[in-house]
Amino acid sequence: MADFGTVDPAFAADYLHPNVGANREDVLLDPAHGGDVGAVRVGDSAVAMATDPVVLAPSLGLERAAWFAVHVLLSDVAVAGIPPAHLSIDLTLPPAMTDEAFATVWETVDAEATEFGVSITTGHTGRYAGCDYPMVGAGTAIGVGDLDALVRPDGARVGDRVVVTTGPAVAATALLATLFADRLRGAVSEDEFAAATERFRDQTVVRDALTAAAAGPVTAMHGATEGGVYGALTALGRAAAVGVEISQDRVPVQPGVDATCAVFGIDPWTALSVGTLVLSVDPAGVDQILDALAAESVPAADVGEVVDGSGLTVDGETVEPPDCDRFWTTIEEDAVL
C-alpha cells in the first residue's frame, strides 16, 4: 500500500476486489481501482453512486474548504454522465469545531448542493474525540438517469480520441498557493502568484463532465485526482485493457501551474489535479464536444488516441504512473492541513 493517498492497484487487487460482498445481478459497474463511480440498475434506470472523504482544511478558509469538499463529492458521479441528485454526508467533527464554524461550512454545502439541484437526504453529524482535520467524514453522491446515458469508466475503445480538460496539477497548484502563500509569493512574480491562486475554483469537473456527456459520444471519463494527468490517463486505459498515446504539448496548461510546481519540486504531470477530466471520445464527436466545453469556458484539447496494448505513451516514450503523489508528501512534510 502507498504510504499516503489512495491504495495502489496491487493492494486493491489483493485485498479489496476479491471481497466485495454478494454477487448481485443488478450491479452495472463493479468496484475497480481508479474507477470513480459505481452503478446499479433499478427498473429502467441507472443509479450511479460515488463515495469520497469529506476533506475540510481550515487553513484554506472554511467557506472555500467546504466548497472544495462538496465539489469532490459531486464530481465522481458526474463522470458517469448522470447529474448528481442526492447526497448523504457523514461528519465526524473535531471537538474543537465551534457551532459558528460549522454553520459556515454547512451553509456553503447547502448553497453548492442547491446550485446543482442536489438534495441532502441523509447522513450523520457529531463531534468525537480523536477526530481531526482535514479528514472529517465521508459522503456518497447519487445520480439517477437512463441506462443508455451511463458513461462507463471501462468504455474506452481502440481508435477513440483522448480529450483532456484544464490540464495538469490544477489542485496541487491551487492548494499550495493557498497553504504556502508567503513561500510562493517570495519565489515567483506577482502575476504568477495571482494566476496560481485563481486555480482554486477550477477544482471541479461537475459541469465539465455533464457538458461533455450531453454534447456527444463520450465512451469513458475519469477525474484526474491523485497521480495527476498521467495517473488518470493510465487508469482510463487500464480500465478498458487498452493503451493510451498522447502528445504532451497538446494538453492545456493553466497559468501559474509550472511556476508553482517548480518552486515545490513537483512534477505537474503526476501531481494532484482535482478539476481535470480525461475522456475517450468517438472520433466523429470530438469537435462537438470541444465546442460545447469551449462554450462553458472549459479549456480542453484533443491530445491523443486510444490504441491496442496497455499503458501510457507520451511523445513516443512509455510513462509509468507514480508510486506516490508528491503533493501529499509535501503537505505531510510541512504538516499544514
C-alpha atoms as a PDB file:
ATOM      1  CA  MET A   1       0.000   0.000   0.000  1.00  0.00           C
ATOM      2  CA  ALA A   2       1.204   3.535  -0.737  1.00  0.00           C
ATOM      3  CA  ASP A   3       2.333   5.471   2.335  1.00  0.00           C
ATOM      4  CA  PHE A   4      -0.028   8.349   1.527  1.00  0.00           C
ATOM      5  CA  GLY A   5      -3.154   8.688  -0.579  1.00  0.00           C
ATOM      6  CA  THR A   6      -5.207   6.120  -2.466  1.00  0.00           C
ATOM      7  CA  VAL A   7      -4.057   2.493  -2.315  1.00  0.00           C
ATOM      8  CA  ASP A   8      -2.168   1.140  -5.325  1.00  0.00           C
ATOM      9  CA  PRO A   9      -3.608  -1.334  -7.867  1.00  0.00           C
ATOM     10  CA  ALA A  10      -1.777  -4.323  -6.338  1.00  0.00           C
ATOM     11  CA  PHE A  11      -3.234  -3.664  -2.876  1.00  0.00           C
ATOM     12  CA  ALA A  12      -6.717  -3.250  -4.340  1.00  0.00           C
ATOM     13  CA  ALA A  13      -6.387  -6.500  -6.299  1.00  0.00           C
ATOM     14  CA  ASP A  14      -5.087  -8.459  -3.305  1.00  0.00           C
ATOM     15  CA  TYR A  15      -7.342  -7.173  -0.555  1.00  0.00           C
ATOM     16  CA  LEU A  16     -10.324  -5.188  -1.834  1.00  0.00           C
ATOM     17  CA  HIS A  17     -11.660  -6.572  -5.082  1.00  0.00           C
ATOM     18  CA  PRO A  18     -11.864 -10.258  -4.042  1.00  0.00           C
ATOM     19  CA  ASN A  19     -14.080  -9.218  -1.114  1.00  0.00           C
ATOM     20  CA  VAL A  20     -16.985  -7.070  -2.261  1.00  0.00           C
ATOM     21  CA  GLY A  21     -19.953  -8.844  -0.729  1.00  0.00           C
ATOM     22  CA  ALA A  22     -22.796 -10.513  -2.571  1.00  0.00           C
ATOM     23  CA  ASN A  23     -22.745 -11.039  -6.322  1.00  0.00           C
ATOM     24  CA  ARG A  24     -25.918  -9.243  -7.404  1.00  0.00           C
ATOM     25  CA  GLU A  25     -27.340  -9.158 -10.921  1.00  0.00           C
ATOM     26  CA  ASP A  26     -28.410  -5.526 -10.605  1.00  0.00           C
ATOM     27  CA  VAL A  27     -24.808  -4.263 -10.362  1.00  0.00           C
ATOM     28  CA  LEU A  28     -23.846  -2.398 -13.554  1.00  0.00           C
ATOM     29  CA  LEU A  29     -20.367  -1.260 -12.510  1.00  0.00           C
ATOM     30  CA  ASP A  30     -18.203  -3.398 -10.244  1.00  0.00           C
ATOM     31  CA  PRO A  31     -15.574  -1.756  -7.995  1.00  0.00           C
ATOM     32  CA  ALA A  32     -12.300  -1.138  -9.837  1.00  0.00           C
ATOM     33  CA  HIS A  33      -9.069   0.614  -8.925  1.00  0.00           C
ATOM     34  CA  GLY A  34      -9.217   4.098 -10.388  1.00  0.00           C
ATOM     35  CA  GLY A  35     -12.934   3.780 -11.072  1.00  0.00           C
ATOM     36  CA  ASP A  36     -14.622   6.945  -9.860  1.00  0.00           C
ATOM     37  CA  VAL A  37     -18.148   5.601  -9.663  1.00  0.00           C
ATOM     38  CA  GLY A  38     -20.325   2.517  -9.170  1.00  0.00           C
ATOM     39  CA  ALA A  39     -23.784   1.903 -10.588  1.00  0.00           C
ATOM     40  CA  VAL A  40     -26.777  -0.378 -10.185  1.00  0.00           C
ATOM     41  CA  ARG A  41     -29.889  -0.984 -12.239  1.00  0.00           C
ATOM     42  CA  VAL A  42     -33.236  -0.019 -10.687  1.00  0.00           C
ATOM     43  CA  GLY A  43     -36.078  -0.743 -13.074  1.00  0.00           C
ATOM     44  CA  ASP A  44     -35.249   1.018 -16.328  1.00  0.00           C
ATOM     45  CA  SER A  45     -32.836   3.456 -14.676  1.00  0.00           C
ATOM     46  CA  ALA A  46     -29.149   3.519 -13.815  1.00  0.00           C
ATOM     47  CA  VAL A  47     -28.345   4.698 -10.301  1.00  0.00           C
ATOM     48  CA  ALA A  48     -24.769   5.999 -10.156  1.00  0.00           C
ATOM     49  CA  MET A  49     -23.078   6.438  -6.791  1.00  0.00           C
ATOM     50  CA  ALA A  50     -19.684   7.541  -5.518  1.00  0.00           C
ATOM     51  CA  THR A  51     -18.203   7.833  -2.035  1.00  0.00           C
ATOM     52  CA  ASP A  52     -15.308  10.117  -1.116  1.00  0.00           C
ATOM     53  CA  PRO A  53     -13.774  11.569   2.023  1.00  0.00           C
ATOM     54  CA  VAL A  54     -15.036  14.891   3.289  1.00  0.00           C
ATOM     55  CA  VAL A  55     -11.809  16.880   3.190  1.00  0.00           C
ATOM     56  CA  LEU A  56     -12.110  20.047   5.254  1.00  0.00           C
ATOM     57  CA  ALA A  57      -8.925  22.047   5.673  1.00  0.00           C
ATOM     58  CA  PRO A  58      -9.483  25.196   7.797  1.00  0.00           C
ATOM     59  CA  SER A  59      -6.202  26.610   6.502  1.00  0.00           C
ATOM     60  CA  LEU A  60      -7.981  27.157   3.177  1.00  0.00           C
ATOM     61  CA  GLY A  61     -10.659  29.225   4.891  1.00  0.00           C
ATOM     62  CA  LEU A  62     -13.823  27.418   5.935  1.00  0.00           C
ATOM     63  CA  GLU A  63     -16.013  28.616   3.091  1.00  0.00           C
ATOM     64  CA  ARG A  64     -13.504  27.637   0.401  1.00  0.00           C
ATOM     65  CA  ALA A  65     -12.726  24.380   2.184  1.00  0.00           C
ATOM     66  CA  ALA A  66     -16.415  23.456   2.219  1.00  0.00           C
ATOM     67  CA  TRP A  67     -16.789  24.417  -1.457  1.00  0.00           C
ATOM     68  CA  PHE A  68     -13.907  22.104  -2.320  1.00  0.00           C
ATOM     69  CA  ALA A  69     -15.349  19.262  -0.227  1.00  0.00           C
ATOM     70  CA  VAL A  70     -18.748  19.397  -1.948  1.00  0.00           C
ATOM     71  CA  HIS A  71     -17.309  19.504  -5.444  1.00  0.00           C
ATOM     72  CA  VAL A  72     -15.101  16.486  -4.744  1.00  0.00           C
ATOM     73  CA  LEU A  73     -18.199  14.562  -3.632  1.00  0.00           C
ATOM     74  CA  LEU A  74     -20.309  15.527  -6.653  1.00  0.00           C
ATOM     75  CA  SER A  75     -17.629  15.244  -9.334  1.00  0.00           C
ATOM     76  CA  ASP A  76     -17.266  11.464  -9.220  1.00  0.00           C
ATOM     77  CA  VAL A  77     -20.938  10.852 -10.023  1.00  0.00           C
ATOM     78  CA  ALA A  78     -20.815  13.407 -12.833  1.00  0.00           C
ATOM     79  CA  VAL A  79     -18.104  11.401 -14.650  1.00  0.00           C
ATOM     80  CA  ALA A  80     -20.749   8.714 -15.180  1.00  0.00           C
ATOM     81  CA  GLY A  81     -22.586  11.250 -17.360  1.00  0.00           C
ATOM     82  CA  ILE A  82     -25.507  11.360 -14.917  1.00  0.00           C
ATOM     83  CA  PRO A  83     -26.267  14.533 -12.937  1.00  0.00           C
ATOM     84  CA  PRO A  84     -25.906  14.127  -9.166  1.00  0.00           C
ATOM     85  CA  ALA A  85     -29.273  14.389  -7.445  1.00  0.00           C
ATOM     86  CA  HIS A  86     -28.863  13.228  -3.840  1.00  0.00           C
ATOM     87  CA  LEU A  87     -26.123  13.453  -1.264  1.00  0.00           C
ATOM     88  CA  SER A  88     -25.511  11.601   2.002  1.00  0.00           C
ATOM     89  CA  ILE A  89     -22.893  13.090   4.341  1.00  0.00           C
ATOM     90  CA  ASP A  90     -21.326  11.672   7.492  1.00  0.00           C
ATOM     91  CA  LEU A  91     -19.457  14.307   9.507  1.00  0.00           C
ATOM     92  CA  THR A  92     -17.205  13.141  12.347  1.00  0.00           C
ATOM     93  CA  LEU A  93     -16.042  16.517  13.560  1.00  0.00           C
ATOM     94  CA  PRO A  94     -13.154  17.568  15.794  1.00  0.00           C
ATOM     95  CA  PRO A  95     -14.288  18.516  19.320  1.00  0.00           C
ATOM     96  CA  ALA A  96     -12.759  21.958  18.867  1.00  0.00           C
ATOM     97  CA  MET A  97     -15.006  22.871  15.934  1.00  0.00           C
ATOM     98  CA  THR A  98     -17.360  25.634  17.061  1.00  0.00           C
ATOM     99  CA  ASP A  99     -21.020  25.954  16.163  1.00  0.00           C
ATOM    100  CA  GLU A 100     -20.187  29.130  14.261  1.00  0.00           C
ATOM    101  CA  ALA A 101     -17.531  27.332  12.200  1.00  0.00           C
ATOM    102  CA  PHE A 102     -19.927  24.502  11.450  1.00  0.00           C
ATOM    103  CA  ALA A 103     -22.591  26.982  10.337  1.00  0.00           C
ATOM    104  CA  THR A 104     -20.176  28.470   7.786  1.00  0.00           C
ATOM    105  CA  VAL A 105     -19.333  25.030   6.449  1.00  0.00           C
ATOM    106  CA  TRP A 106     -22.892  23.776   6.292  1.00  0.00           C
ATOM    107  CA  GLU A 107     -24.313  26.905   4.683  1.00  0.00           C
ATOM    108  CA  THR A 108     -21.701  26.535   1.928  1.00  0.00           C
ATOM    109  CA  VAL A 109     -22.555  22.859   1.475  1.00  0.00           C
ATOM    110  CA  ASP A 110     -26.225  23.776   1.209  1.00  0.00           C
ATOM    111  CA  ALA A 111     -25.563  26.545  -1.328  1.00  0.00           C
ATOM    112  CA  GLU A 112     -23.445  24.367  -3.621  1.00  0.00           C
ATOM    113  CA  ALA A 113     -25.860  21.441  -3.413  1.00  0.00           C
ATOM    114  CA  THR A 114     -28.755  23.749  -4.252  1.00  0.00           C
ATOM    115  CA  GLU A 115     -26.829  25.172  -7.216  1.00  0.00           C
ATOM    116  CA  PHE A 116     -26.665  21.698  -8.780  1.00  0.00           C
ATOM    117  CA  GLY A 117     -30.171  20.626  -7.814  1.00  0.00           C
ATOM    118  CA  VAL A 118     -28.835  18.136  -5.258  1.00  0.00           C
ATOM    119  CA  SER A 119     -30.854  17.207  -2.172  1.00  0.00           C
ATOM    120  CA  ILE A 120     -29.054  16.214   1.030  1.00  0.00           C
ATOM    121  CA  THR A 121     -31.192  13.250   2.014  1.00  0.00           C
ATOM    122  CA  THR A 122     -29.457  11.561   4.944  1.00  0.00           C
ATOM    123  CA  GLY A 123     -26.263  11.454   6.979  1.00  0.00           C
ATOM    124  CA  HIS A 124     -24.787  11.766  10.438  1.00  0.00           C
ATOM    125  CA  THR A 125     -23.167  14.640  12.311  1.00  0.00           C
ATOM    126  CA  GLY A 126     -21.271  14.642  15.594  1.00  0.00           C
ATOM    127  CA  ARG A 127     -18.129  15.697  17.451  1.00  0.00           C
ATOM    128  CA  TYR A 128     -15.826  12.881  18.580  1.00  0.00           C
ATOM    129  CA  ALA A 129     -12.564  12.591  20.482  1.00  0.00           C
ATOM    130  CA  GLY A 130      -9.683  11.627  18.212  1.00  0.00           C
ATOM    131  CA  CYS A 131     -11.201  13.200  15.100  1.00  0.00           C
ATOM    132  CA  ASP A 132      -9.258  15.977  13.438  1.00  0.00           C
ATOM    133  CA  TYR A 133      -8.933  17.978  10.245  1.00  0.00           C
ATOM    134  CA  PRO A 134      -8.744  17.551   7.305  1.00  0.00           C
ATOM    135  CA  MET A 135     -10.499  14.167   7.034  1.00  0.00           C
ATOM    136  CA  VAL A 136     -13.763  14.761   8.892  1.00  0.00           C
ATOM    137  CA  GLY A 137     -16.037  12.110   7.444  1.00  0.00           C
ATOM    138  CA  ALA A 138     -17.278  10.883   4.091  1.00  0.00           C
ATOM    139  CA  GLY A 139     -20.124  11.397   1.683  1.00  0.00           C
ATOM    140  CA  THR A 140     -21.956   9.483  -1.010  1.00  0.00           C
ATOM    141  CA  ALA A 141     -23.381  11.264  -4.035  1.00  0.00           C
ATOM    142  CA  ILE A 142     -26.112   9.580  -6.095  1.00  0.00           C
ATOM    143  CA  GLY A 143     -27.479  10.287  -9.544  1.00  0.00           C
ATOM    144  CA  VAL A 144     -30.355   8.638 -11.418  1.00  0.00           C
ATOM    145  CA  GLY A 145     -30.548   8.534 -15.195  1.00  0.00           C
ATOM    146  CA  ASP A 146     -31.392   6.495 -18.253  1.00  0.00           C
ATOM    147  CA  LEU A 147     -29.463   3.255 -18.690  1.00  0.00           C
ATOM    148  CA  ASP A 148     -28.112   4.407 -22.044  1.00  0.00           C
ATOM    149  CA  ALA A 149     -26.883   7.665 -20.501  1.00  0.00           C
ATOM    150  CA  LEU A 150     -24.405   5.867 -18.235  1.00  0.00           C
ATOM    151  CA  VAL A 151     -20.796   6.521 -19.248  1.00  0.00           C
ATOM    152  CA  ARG A 152     -18.785   3.502 -18.123  1.00  0.00           C
ATOM    153  CA  PRO A 153     -15.236   4.004 -16.808  1.00  0.00           C
ATOM    154  CA  ASP A 154     -14.158   0.963 -18.852  1.00  0.00           C
ATOM    155  CA  GLY A 155     -15.711   2.150 -22.111  1.00  0.00           C
ATOM    156  CA  ALA A 156     -12.632   3.412 -23.994  1.00  0.00           C
ATOM    157  CA  ARG A 157     -12.227   1.718 -27.391  1.00  0.00           C
ATOM    158  CA  VAL A 158      -9.293   1.420 -29.764  1.00  0.00           C
ATOM    159  CA  GLY A 159      -9.478   4.329 -32.195  1.00  0.00           C
ATOM    160  CA  ASP A 160     -11.173   6.719 -29.765  1.00  0.00           C
ATOM    161  CA  ARG A 161      -9.644  10.148 -29.393  1.00  0.00           C
ATOM    162  CA  VAL A 162      -8.379  11.284 -25.983  1.00  0.00           C
ATOM    163  CA  VAL A 163      -9.521  14.664 -24.661  1.00  0.00           C
ATOM    164  CA  VAL A 164      -8.105  16.413 -21.595  1.00  0.00           C
ATOM    165  CA  THR A 165      -9.674  19.427 -19.892  1.00  0.00           C
ATOM    166  CA  THR A 166      -7.940  22.140 -17.853  1.00  0.00           C
ATOM    167  CA  GLY A 167      -4.551  20.407 -17.686  1.00  0.00           C
ATOM    168  CA  PRO A 168      -2.038  19.234 -15.085  1.00  0.00           C
ATOM    169  CA  ALA A 169      -1.663  19.954 -11.377  1.00  0.00           C
ATOM    170  CA  VAL A 170      -4.770  22.097 -11.005  1.00  0.00           C
ATOM    171  CA  ALA A 171      -5.403  21.160  -7.385  1.00  0.00           C
ATOM    172  CA  ALA A 172      -1.736  20.958  -6.411  1.00  0.00           C
ATOM    173  CA  THR A 173      -1.232  24.496  -7.711  1.00  0.00           C
ATOM    174  CA  ALA A 174      -4.366  25.916  -6.089  1.00  0.00           C
ATOM    175  CA  LEU A 175      -3.792  24.310  -2.699  1.00  0.00           C
ATOM    176  CA  LEU A 176      -0.060  25.023  -2.491  1.00  0.00           C
ATOM    177  CA  ALA A 177      -0.669  28.661  -3.454  1.00  0.00           C
ATOM    178  CA  THR A 178      -3.166  28.920  -0.596  1.00  0.00           C
ATOM    179  CA  LEU A 179      -1.331  26.918   2.058  1.00  0.00           C
ATOM    180  CA  PHE A 180       2.150  28.282   1.335  1.00  0.00           C
ATOM    181  CA  ALA A 181       1.250  31.747   0.080  1.00  0.00           C
ATOM    182  CA  ASP A 182       4.234  33.538   1.617  1.00  0.00           C
ATOM    183  CA  ARG A 183       6.732  30.995   0.307  1.00  0.00           C
ATOM    184  CA  LEU A 184       5.296  31.046  -3.200  1.00  0.00           C
ATOM    185  CA  ARG A 185       4.901  34.815  -3.373  1.00  0.00           C
ATOM    186  CA  GLY A 186       8.575  35.206  -2.495  1.00  0.00           C
ATOM    187  CA  ALA A 187       9.657  32.871  -5.288  1.00  0.00           C
ATOM    188  CA  VAL A 188       7.529  33.843  -8.301  1.00  0.00           C
ATOM    189  CA  SER A 189       6.269  37.005  -9.958  1.00  0.00           C
ATOM    190  CA  GLU A 190       3.086  38.672  -8.753  1.00  0.00           C
ATOM    191  CA  ASP A 191       1.348  37.663 -11.985  1.00  0.00           C
ATOM    192  CA  GLU A 192       2.345  34.019 -11.484  1.00  0.00           C
ATOM    193  CA  PHE A 193       1.218  34.083  -7.872  1.00  0.00           C
ATOM    194  CA  ALA A 194      -2.137  35.618  -8.800  1.00  0.00           C
ATOM    195  CA  ALA A 195      -2.626  33.017 -11.537  1.00  0.00           C
ATOM    196  CA  ALA A 196      -1.865  30.182  -9.122  1.00  0.00           C
ATOM    197  CA  THR A 197      -4.432  31.396  -6.594  1.00  0.00           C
ATOM    198  CA  GLU A 198      -7.035  31.721  -9.364  1.00  0.00           C
ATOM    199  CA  ARG A 199      -6.831  27.962  -9.931  1.00  0.00           C
ATOM    200  CA  PHE A 200      -8.869  27.264  -6.766  1.00  0.00           C
ATOM    201  CA  ARG A 201     -12.288  27.358  -8.455  1.00  0.00           C
ATOM    202  CA  ASP A 202     -11.005  25.099 -11.232  1.00  0.00           C
ATOM    203  CA  GLN A 203     -11.129  22.168  -8.793  1.00  0.00           C
ATOM    204  CA  THR A 204     -14.378  20.658 -10.058  1.00  0.00           C
ATOM    205  CA  VAL A 205     -15.404  18.560 -13.054  1.00  0.00           C
ATOM    206  CA  VAL A 206     -19.147  18.534 -12.416  1.00  0.00           C
ATOM    207  CA  ARG A 207     -20.113  20.887 -15.231  1.00  0.00           C
ATOM    208  CA  ASP A 208     -17.275  19.685 -17.485  1.00  0.00           C
ATOM    209  CA  ALA A 209     -18.377  16.036 -17.324  1.00  0.00           C
ATOM    210  CA  LEU A 210     -22.087  16.718 -17.716  1.00  0.00           C
ATOM    211  CA  THR A 211     -21.456  19.137 -20.590  1.00  0.00           C
ATOM    212  CA  ALA A 212     -19.269  16.663 -22.463  1.00  0.00           C
ATOM    213  CA  ALA A 213     -21.618  13.724 -21.937  1.00  0.00           C
ATOM    214  CA  ALA A 214     -24.598  15.721 -23.180  1.00  0.00           C
ATOM    215  CA  ALA A 215     -22.747  17.050 -26.224  1.00  0.00           C
ATOM    216  CA  GLY A 216     -21.514  13.922 -27.953  1.00  0.00           C
ATOM    217  CA  PRO A 217     -20.320  10.314 -27.946  1.00  0.00           C
ATOM    218  CA  VAL A 218     -18.154  10.098 -24.823  1.00  0.00           C
ATOM    219  CA  THR A 219     -17.095   6.483 -24.242  1.00  0.00           C
ATOM    220  CA  ALA A 220     -15.322   6.915 -20.875  1.00  0.00           C
ATOM    221  CA  MET A 221     -14.410   9.636 -18.373  1.00  0.00           C
ATOM    222  CA  HIS A 222     -12.062   9.777 -15.420  1.00  0.00           C
ATOM    223  CA  GLY A 223     -11.294  12.591 -12.994  1.00  0.00           C
ATOM    224  CA  ALA A 224      -7.586  13.306 -12.549  1.00  0.00           C
ATOM    225  CA  THR A 225      -7.059  13.332  -8.803  1.00  0.00           C
ATOM    226  CA  GLU A 226      -4.070  11.666  -7.103  1.00  0.00           C
ATOM    227  CA  GLY A 227      -1.361  10.814  -9.616  1.00  0.00           C
ATOM    228  CA  GLY A 228      -2.409  13.699 -11.803  1.00  0.00           C
ATOM    229  CA  VAL A 229      -2.965  13.670 -15.551  1.00  0.00           C
ATOM    230  CA  TYR A 230      -0.606  10.769 -16.172  1.00  0.00           C
ATOM    231  CA  GLY A 231      -2.249   8.733 -13.439  1.00  0.00           C
ATOM    232  CA  ALA A 232      -5.721   9.447 -14.845  1.00  0.00           C
ATOM    233  CA  LEU A 233      -4.744   8.559 -18.407  1.00  0.00           C
ATOM    234  CA  THR A 234      -3.171   5.328 -17.176  1.00  0.00           C
ATOM    235  CA  ALA A 235      -6.359   4.495 -15.258  1.00  0.00           C
ATOM    236  CA  LEU A 236      -8.526   5.266 -18.302  1.00  0.00           C
ATOM    237  CA  GLY A 237      -6.563   2.759 -20.354  1.00  0.00           C
ATOM    238  CA  ARG A 238      -6.232   0.152 -17.602  1.00  0.00           C
ATOM    239  CA  ALA A 239      -9.995   0.068 -17.018  1.00  0.00           C
ATOM    240  CA  ALA A 240     -10.640  -0.912 -20.650  1.00  0.00           C
ATOM    241  CA  ALA A 241      -7.475  -3.015 -21.155  1.00  0.00           C
ATOM    242  CA  VAL A 242      -6.179  -0.663 -23.844  1.00  0.00           C
ATOM    243  CA  GLY A 243      -3.254   1.696 -24.295  1.00  0.00           C
ATOM    244  CA  VAL A 244      -3.245   5.486 -24.430  1.00  0.00           C
ATOM    245  CA  GLU A 245      -0.902   7.601 -26.542  1.00  0.00           C
ATOM    246  CA  ILE A 246      -0.727  11.388 -26.192  1.00  0.00           C
ATOM    247  CA  SER A 247       1.342  14.383 -27.213  1.00  0.00           C
ATOM    248  CA  GLN A 248       2.193  16.378 -24.097  1.00  0.00           C
ATOM    249  CA  ASP A 249       2.373  19.739 -25.832  1.00  0.00           C
ATOM    250  CA  ARG A 250      -1.280  19.437 -26.885  1.00  0.00           C
ATOM    251  CA  VAL A 251      -2.507  19.283 -23.276  1.00  0.00           C
ATOM    252  CA  PRO A 252      -3.711  22.675 -21.972  1.00  0.00           C
ATOM    253  CA  VAL A 253      -1.634  24.053 -19.085  1.00  0.00           C
ATOM    254  CA  GLN A 254      -3.135  26.803 -16.942  1.00  0.00           C
ATOM    255  CA  PRO A 255      -1.235  29.932 -15.853  1.00  0.00           C
ATOM    256  CA  GLY A 256       0.629  29.579 -12.580  1.00  0.00           C
ATOM    257  CA  VAL A 257       0.968  25.797 -12.729  1.00  0.00           C
ATOM    258  CA  ASP A 258       4.522  25.406 -13.985  1.00  0.00           C
ATOM    259  CA  ALA A 259       5.897  28.150 -11.735  1.00  0.00           C
ATOM    260  CA  THR A 260       4.225  26.772  -8.606  1.00  0.00           C
ATOM    261  CA  CYS A 261       5.282  23.179  -9.223  1.00  0.00           C
ATOM    262  CA  ALA A 262       8.865  24.298  -9.871  1.00  0.00           C
ATOM    263  CA  VAL A 263       9.038  26.075  -6.516  1.00  0.00           C
ATOM    264  CA  PHE A 264       7.919  22.946  -4.648  1.00  0.00           C
ATOM    265  CA  GLY A 265       9.876  20.458  -6.741  1.00  0.00           C
ATOM    266  CA  ILE A 266       6.745  18.706  -8.000  1.00  0.00           C
ATOM    267  CA  ASP A 267       6.234  17.130 -11.422  1.00  0.00           C
ATOM    268  CA  PRO A 268       2.998  18.767 -12.608  1.00  0.00           C
ATOM    269  CA  TRP A 269       2.060  15.766 -14.755  1.00  0.00           C
ATOM    270  CA  THR A 270       1.862  13.387 -11.782  1.00  0.00           C
ATOM    271  CA  ALA A 271       0.544  15.809  -9.140  1.00  0.00           C
ATOM    272  CA  LEU A 272      -2.936  16.118  -7.641  1.00  0.00           C
ATOM    273  CA  SER A 273      -5.250  17.559 -10.286  1.00  0.00           C
ATOM    274  CA  VAL A 274      -8.819  17.600  -8.986  1.00  0.00           C
ATOM    275  CA  GLY A 275     -10.631  19.615 -11.655  1.00  0.00           C
ATOM    276  CA  THR A 276      -9.043  17.904 -14.659  1.00  0.00           C
ATOM    277  CA  LEU A 277     -11.103  15.479 -16.719  1.00  0.00           C
ATOM    278  CA  VAL A 278      -9.733  12.900 -19.160  1.00  0.00           C
ATOM    279  CA  LEU A 279     -12.133  11.463 -21.721  1.00  0.00           C
ATOM    280  CA  SER A 280     -12.171   8.948 -24.533  1.00  0.00           C
ATOM    281  CA  VAL A 281     -14.415  10.079 -27.376  1.00  0.00           C
ATOM    282  CA  ASP A 282     -15.659   8.544 -30.606  1.00  0.00           C
ATOM    283  CA  PRO A 283     -13.705  10.426 -33.329  1.00  0.00           C
ATOM    284  CA  ALA A 284     -16.913  11.565 -35.012  1.00  0.00           C
ATOM    285  CA  GLY A 285     -17.909  13.578 -31.944  1.00  0.00           C
ATOM    286  CA  VAL A 286     -14.679  15.273 -30.890  1.00  0.00           C
ATOM    287  CA  ASP A 287     -15.393  18.679 -32.425  1.00  0.00           C
ATOM    288  CA  GLN A 288     -18.899  18.983 -30.990  1.00  0.00           C
ATOM    289  CA  ILE A 289     -17.651  18.052 -27.512  1.00  0.00           C
ATOM    290  CA  LEU A 290     -14.779  20.527 -27.689  1.00  0.00           C
ATOM    291  CA  ASP A 291     -17.179  23.226 -28.900  1.00  0.00           C
ATOM    292  CA  ALA A 292     -19.578  22.528 -26.015  1.00  0.00           C
ATOM    293  CA  LEU A 293     -16.766  22.709 -23.466  1.00  0.00           C
ATOM    294  CA  ALA A 294     -15.489  25.943 -25.011  1.00  0.00           C
ATOM    295  CA  ALA A 295     -18.980  27.417 -24.698  1.00  0.00           C
ATOM    296  CA  GLU A 296     -18.719  26.747 -20.942  1.00  0.00           C
ATOM    297  CA  SER A 297     -15.236  28.355 -20.872  1.00  0.00           C
ATOM    298  CA  VAL A 298     -13.587  24.995 -20.130  1.00  0.00           C
ATOM    299  CA  PRO A 299     -10.077  24.683 -21.647  1.00  0.00           C
ATOM    300  CA  ALA A 300      -9.888  21.345 -23.477  1.00  0.00           C
ATOM    301  CA  ALA A 301      -7.997  19.685 -26.313  1.00  0.00           C
ATOM    302  CA  ASP A 302      -7.768  16.503 -28.345  1.00  0.00           C
ATOM    303  CA  VAL A 303      -4.380  15.227 -27.173  1.00  0.00           C
ATOM    304  CA  GLY A 304      -4.064  11.658 -28.468  1.00  0.00           C
ATOM    305  CA  GLU A 305      -5.587   8.280 -29.182  1.00  0.00           C
ATOM    306  CA  VAL A 306      -6.692   5.010 -27.588  1.00  0.00           C
ATOM    307  CA  VAL A 307      -4.591   2.181 -29.046  1.00  0.00           C
ATOM    308  CA  ASP A 308      -4.096  -1.566 -28.835  1.00  0.00           C
ATOM    309  CA  GLY A 309      -1.866  -2.657 -25.969  1.00  0.00           C
ATOM    310  CA  SER A 310      -1.530  -1.250 -22.497  1.00  0.00           C
ATOM    311  CA  GLY A 311      -0.026   1.605 -20.516  1.00  0.00           C
ATOM    312  CA  LEU A 312       0.562   5.265 -21.266  1.00  0.00           C
ATOM    313  CA  THR A 313       2.843   6.569 -24.004  1.00  0.00           C
ATOM    314  CA  VAL A 314       3.785  10.256 -24.024  1.00  0.00           C
ATOM    315  CA  ASP A 315       5.601  11.640 -27.066  1.00  0.00           C
ATOM    316  CA  GLY A 316       6.626   8.118 -28.013  1.00  0.00           C
ATOM    317  CA  GLU A 317       8.011   7.204 -24.574  1.00  0.00           C
ATOM    318  CA  THR A 318       6.394   4.806 -22.092  1.00  0.00           C
ATOM    319  CA  VAL A 319       5.431   6.559 -18.857  1.00  0.00           C
ATOM    320  CA  GLU A 320       4.852   4.713 -15.593  1.00  0.00           C
ATOM    321  CA  PRO A 321       2.266   6.078 -13.141  1.00  0.00           C
ATOM    322  CA  PRO A 322       3.737   7.484  -9.900  1.00  0.00           C
ATOM    323  CA  ASP A 323       4.033   5.314  -6.797  1.00  0.00           C
ATOM    324  CA  CYS A 324       3.050   8.284  -4.623  1.00  0.00           C
ATOM    325  CA  ASP A 325       1.654  11.711  -5.377  1.00  0.00           C
ATOM    326  CA  ARG A 326       4.352  14.197  -4.404  1.00  0.00           C
ATOM    327  CA  PHE A 327       1.683  16.684  -3.319  1.00  0.00           C
ATOM    328  CA  TRP A 328       0.811  14.543  -0.296  1.00  0.00           C
ATOM    329  CA  THR A 329       4.424  14.172   0.822  1.00  0.00           C
ATOM    330  CA  THR A 330       4.883  17.938   0.545  1.00  0.00           C
ATOM    331  CA  ILE A 331       1.825  18.507   2.746  1.00  0.00           C
ATOM    332  CA  GLU A 332       2.932  15.830   5.218  1.00  0.00           C
ATOM    333  CA  GLU A 333       6.432  17.274   5.498  1.00  0.00           C
ATOM    334  CA  ASP A 334       5.065  20.703   6.357  1.00  0.00           C
ATOM    335  CA  ALA A 335       2.029  19.470   8.325  1.00  0.00           C
ATOM    336  CA  VAL A 336      -0.120  22.361   7.142  1.00  0.00           C
ATOM    337  CA  LEU A 337      -3.517  20.725   6.695  1.00  0.00           C
END
